[in-house]
Amino acid sequence: MAITKAKLFDTSQKRGAELMKALGHPARIAIIELLAERDTCICGDITDELPLAQSTVSQHLKALKKAGIIKGEIDGVRTCYCLDEEGIEEMEDLLTPLLRNLTTATKDNCC
């Protein structure tokens, strides 16, 4: 039986990669920046701020929500989105040590 490559990496490496993948599009960065500024937003408000179709914004919101970076609360026919505090804390806990190690490694780099 073949081993999947995902089993070769630890949980924090896999979760860090999942979070970075979710942030791997400039529209998603723009969305979380907007949510950080406004606390909450309806999808239509986000669409008004970005040069993207509503369906495209919805796809990006879905990816961010799946990764646990944002959460959405249904309000009638609309969904109100905000940053997921636990997800942001998890991202900080996982990525800060990685970035600190990379910064230290580049200072000691011979090239």
C-alpha atoms as a PDB file:
ATOM      1  CA  MET A   1       0.000   0.000   0.000  1.00  0.00           C
ATOM      2  CA  ALA A   2       1.406   3.384  -0.975  1.00  0.00           C
ATOM      3  CA  ILE A   3       2.010   6.085   1.614  1.00  0.00           C
ATOM      4  CA  THR A   4       0.613   9.519   0.850  1.00  0.00           C
ATOM      5  CA  LYS A   5       3.194  12.284   0.818  1.00  0.00           C
ATOM      6  CA  ALA A   6       1.134  14.339   3.286  1.00  0.00           C
ATOM      7  CA  LYS A   7       1.987  11.769   5.971  1.00  0.00           C
ATOM      8  CA  LEU A   8       5.658  12.713   5.613  1.00  0.00           C
ATOM      9  CA  PHE A   9       5.049  16.150   7.169  1.00  0.00           C
ATOM     10  CA  ASP A  10       3.953  17.130  10.652  1.00  0.00           C
ATOM     11  CA  THR A  11       0.635  18.726  11.501  1.00  0.00           C
ATOM     12  CA  SER A  12       2.002  22.264  11.872  1.00  0.00           C
ATOM     13  CA  GLN A  13       3.728  22.078   8.474  1.00  0.00           C
ATOM     14  CA  LYS A  14       0.531  20.902   6.796  1.00  0.00           C
ATOM     15  CA  ARG A  15      -1.615  23.505   8.548  1.00  0.00           C
ATOM     16  CA  GLY A  16       0.888  26.288   7.794  1.00  0.00           C
ATOM     17  CA  ALA A  17       0.823  25.324   4.125  1.00  0.00           C
ATOM     18  CA  GLU A  18      -2.986  25.300   4.147  1.00  0.00           C
ATOM     19  CA  LEU A  19      -3.091  28.803   5.624  1.00  0.00           C
ATOM     20  CA  MET A  20      -0.505  30.160   3.198  1.00  0.00           C
ATOM     21  CA  LYS A  21      -2.337  28.592   0.279  1.00  0.00           C
ATOM     22  CA  ALA A  22      -5.522  30.325   1.406  1.00  0.00           C
ATOM     23  CA  LEU A  23      -3.615  33.619   1.427  1.00  0.00           C
ATOM     24  CA  GLY A  24      -1.962  32.884  -1.914  1.00  0.00           C
ATOM     25  CA  HIS A  25      -4.051  35.298  -3.975  1.00  0.00           C
ATOM     26  CA  PRO A  26      -3.941  39.108  -3.824  1.00  0.00           C
ATOM     27  CA  ALA A  27      -7.745  39.294  -3.703  1.00  0.00           C
ATOM     28  CA  ARG A  28      -7.749  37.234  -0.513  1.00  0.00           C
ATOM     29  CA  ILE A  29      -5.173  39.520   1.063  1.00  0.00           C
ATOM     30  CA  ALA A  30      -7.345  42.497   0.045  1.00  0.00           C
ATOM     31  CA  ILE A  31     -10.401  40.830   1.587  1.00  0.00           C
ATOM     32  CA  ILE A  32      -8.780  40.199   4.962  1.00  0.00           C
ATOM     33  CA  GLU A  33      -7.336  43.730   4.978  1.00  0.00           C
ATOM     34  CA  LEU A  34     -10.820  45.085   4.312  1.00  0.00           C
ATOM     35  CA  LEU A  35     -12.321  42.940   7.069  1.00  0.00           C
ATOM     36  CA  ALA A  36      -9.598  44.100   9.474  1.00  0.00           C
ATOM     37  CA  GLU A  37     -10.513  47.726   8.738  1.00  0.00           C
ATOM     38  CA  ARG A  38     -14.292  47.319   8.947  1.00  0.00           C
ATOM     39  CA  ASP A  39     -14.741  44.492  11.449  1.00  0.00           C
ATOM     40  CA  THR A  40     -17.602  43.003   9.382  1.00  0.00           C
ATOM     41  CA  CYS A  41     -18.732  43.111   5.754  1.00  0.00           C
ATOM     42  CA  ILE A  42     -21.473  41.774   3.551  1.00  0.00           C
ATOM     43  CA  CYS A  43     -20.255  40.083   0.359  1.00  0.00           C
ATOM     44  CA  GLY A  44     -21.758  42.898  -1.732  1.00  0.00           C
ATOM     45  CA  ASP A  45     -19.750  45.489   0.230  1.00  0.00           C
ATOM     46  CA  ILE A  46     -16.562  43.560  -0.483  1.00  0.00           C
ATOM     47  CA  THR A  47     -17.506  43.293  -4.157  1.00  0.00           C
ATOM     48  CA  ASP A  48     -17.961  47.082  -4.263  1.00  0.00           C
ATOM     49  CA  GLU A  49     -14.370  47.525  -3.057  1.00  0.00           C
ATOM     50  CA  LEU A  50     -12.646  44.994  -5.318  1.00  0.00           C
ATOM     51  CA  PRO A  51     -12.366  44.887  -9.109  1.00  0.00           C
ATOM     52  CA  LEU A  52     -13.925  41.420  -9.177  1.00  0.00           C
ATOM     53  CA  ALA A  53     -17.324  39.911  -9.913  1.00  0.00           C
ATOM     54  CA  GLN A  54     -19.504  38.914  -6.984  1.00  0.00           C
ATOM     55  CA  SER A  55     -19.154  35.223  -7.856  1.00  0.00           C
ATOM     56  CA  THR A  56     -15.358  35.524  -7.805  1.00  0.00           C
ATOM     57  CA  VAL A  57     -15.423  37.317  -4.439  1.00  0.00           C
ATOM     58  CA  SER A  58     -17.696  34.552  -3.121  1.00  0.00           C
ATOM     59  CA  GLN A  59     -15.171  31.903  -4.208  1.00  0.00           C
ATOM     60  CA  HIS A  60     -12.367  33.735  -2.390  1.00  0.00           C
ATOM     61  CA  LEU A  61     -14.530  34.120   0.719  1.00  0.00           C
ATOM     62  CA  LYS A  62     -15.264  30.391   0.620  1.00  0.00           C
ATOM     63  CA  ALA A  63     -11.535  29.554   0.497  1.00  0.00           C
ATOM     64  CA  LEU A  64     -10.744  31.906   3.400  1.00  0.00           C
ATOM     65  CA  LYS A  65     -13.631  30.506   5.422  1.00  0.00           C
ATOM     66  CA  LYS A  66     -12.610  26.903   4.729  1.00  0.00           C
ATOM     67  CA  ALA A  67      -9.099  27.701   5.986  1.00  0.00           C
ATOM     68  CA  GLY A  68     -10.558  29.201   9.174  1.00  0.00           C
ATOM     69  CA  ILE A  69      -9.237  32.710   8.536  1.00  0.00           C
ATOM     70  CA  ILE A  70     -12.701  34.281   8.331  1.00  0.00           C
ATOM     71  CA  LYS A  71     -16.162  33.304   9.464  1.00  0.00           C
ATOM     72  CA  GLY A  72     -19.576  34.173   8.124  1.00  0.00           C
ATOM     73  CA  GLU A  73     -22.894  34.626   9.861  1.00  0.00           C
ATOM     74  CA  ILE A  74     -26.095  34.392   7.857  1.00  0.00           C
ATOM     75  CA  ASP A  75     -28.255  37.491   8.236  1.00  0.00           C
ATOM     76  CA  GLY A  76     -31.440  36.913   6.264  1.00  0.00           C
ATOM     77  CA  VAL A  77     -30.474  36.524   2.617  1.00  0.00           C
ATOM     78  CA  ARG A  78     -26.993  37.937   3.203  1.00  0.00           C
ATOM     79  CA  THR A  79     -23.895  36.640   4.928  1.00  0.00           C
ATOM     80  CA  CYS A  80     -21.909  38.957   7.165  1.00  0.00           C
ATOM     81  CA  TYR A  81     -18.185  38.104   7.156  1.00  0.00           C
ATOM     82  CA  CYS A  82     -15.512  38.914   9.731  1.00  0.00           C
ATOM     83  CA  LEU A  83     -12.061  37.712  10.688  1.00  0.00           C
ATOM     84  CA  ASP A  84     -12.021  34.511  12.736  1.00  0.00           C
ATOM     85  CA  GLU A  85     -10.106  35.447  15.882  1.00  0.00           C
ATOM     86  CA  GLU A  86      -9.087  31.858  16.618  1.00  0.00           C
ATOM     87  CA  GLY A  87      -7.934  31.339  13.039  1.00  0.00           C
ATOM     88  CA  ILE A  88      -5.869  34.530  13.083  1.00  0.00           C
ATOM     89  CA  GLU A  89      -4.271  33.515  16.389  1.00  0.00           C
ATOM     90  CA  GLU A  90      -3.497  30.071  14.997  1.00  0.00           C
ATOM     91  CA  MET A  91      -1.944  31.650  11.909  1.00  0.00           C
ATOM     92  CA  GLU A  92       0.218  33.881  14.099  1.00  0.00           C
ATOM     93  CA  ASP A  93       1.259  30.924  16.287  1.00  0.00           C
ATOM     94  CA  LEU A  94       2.253  28.844  13.263  1.00  0.00           C
ATOM     95  CA  LEU A  95       3.799  31.444  10.988  1.00  0.00           C
ATOM     96  CA  THR A  96       5.633  33.748  13.415  1.00  0.00           C
ATOM     97  CA  PRO A  97       8.172  31.093  14.484  1.00  0.00           C
ATOM     98  CA  LEU A  98       8.674  30.102  10.847  1.00  0.00           C
ATOM     99  CA  LEU A  99       9.336  33.697   9.791  1.00  0.00           C
ATOM    100  CA  ARG A 100      11.625  34.251  12.783  1.00  0.00           C
ATOM    101  CA  ASN A 101      13.650  31.152  11.827  1.00  0.00           C
ATOM    102  CA  LEU A 102      13.865  32.287   8.209  1.00  0.00           C
ATOM    103  CA  THR A 103      15.021  35.745   9.260  1.00  0.00           C
ATOM    104  CA  THR A 104      17.716  34.252  11.466  1.00  0.00           C
ATOM    105  CA  ALA A 105      18.768  31.844   8.707  1.00  0.00           C
ATOM    106  CA  THR A 106      19.168  34.642   6.162  1.00  0.00           C
ATOM    107  CA  LYS A 107      21.410  36.598   8.537  1.00  0.00           C
ATOM    108  CA  ASP A 108      23.674  33.558   8.851  1.00  0.00           C
ATOM    109  CA  ASN A 109      23.512  32.729   5.141  1.00  0.00           C
ATOM    110  CA  CYS A 110      26.873  32.502   3.430  1.00  0.00           C
ATOM    111  CA  CYS A 111      25.713  33.780   0.038  1.00  0.00           C
END
